[in-house]
Amino acid sequence: MIVALHVWQVAAKGVPAALVRVAGTHVRLRHTARLRFGKMLGTGNGQTFTARDATPRRWALLTVWDDTLDTAAFERSGTIRRWDAAAEERWRGLLTPVAVRGRWSRRAPFGDPQPSQHEGPVAAVTRARIAPHKLATFWRAVPPVSTDLHHSPGLLLAMGIGEAPIGLQGTFSLWRSGVDLNDFAHRRAPHVEAIRRTATEGWYVEELFARFAVVEATGSIQGRDPLTE
């Protein structure tokens, strides 16, 4: 299984056209042959997980495929060509799942891999559907975790991702190693406290955590290649 994440940044004047392109991409994904799972995603800085985090110039597309041939064919598709032509910056990562827990839209998009170790950079995707009556307490709990995340050793990139401005939030992060990711997730106090409160507060209607080996990455985000940091 191959997971591809495309991230595009458009010029400020290109935002209205990007919004139209987002709607068109949603439609085309439903009719893309051999696509196992696909989501067009807005992005944000991940500071509060509210609508004010949104970065309307940056958009992401996550797709899941059975093999590299399908991934390569989609790379030549009109969907990708349209985004590439409109973007002033582009990054693409190819990932393979190494550990997955939870569901996304009632599906297991990344399969059920046996947890395994990976030497080298890793990526993490979190995604949650937040219970509407829990939004306020969730939002209040986010800033300490977000601040600590951005100061965590080994973090190469972190951004918010979401299918909607409110209630369907997640993160994508790149790490120098699995050890660095483990240290943040299980040893740094703000995240450990958030895990504890997740169980007691019942914030999520649905949640997913997935870890990936980074197979290949090309391009840049905000003017830099995150894997060279």
Foldseek 3Di string as FASTA:
>chain_A
DKKKKKKFFADPVCLVVVVVLQVVVVVVVVVDPQWLDKAKKWWFAQQQLALVRTDSRMIMMMTDGDDVVSVVVVCPDPSNVVRVVRGPWMKMWMWAFQQKDWDDPNHDSRDHHDHDFDQWKKKKKKKFQFDVVCQVVSSVLRNVLSVVVVVQPFWLDKMKIARDNPRIIMMMTMGGGPVSVCCSCPPDPSNVVVVVVCVVVVGGPTMMMTMIDTPDMDIDDPPHDSRVD
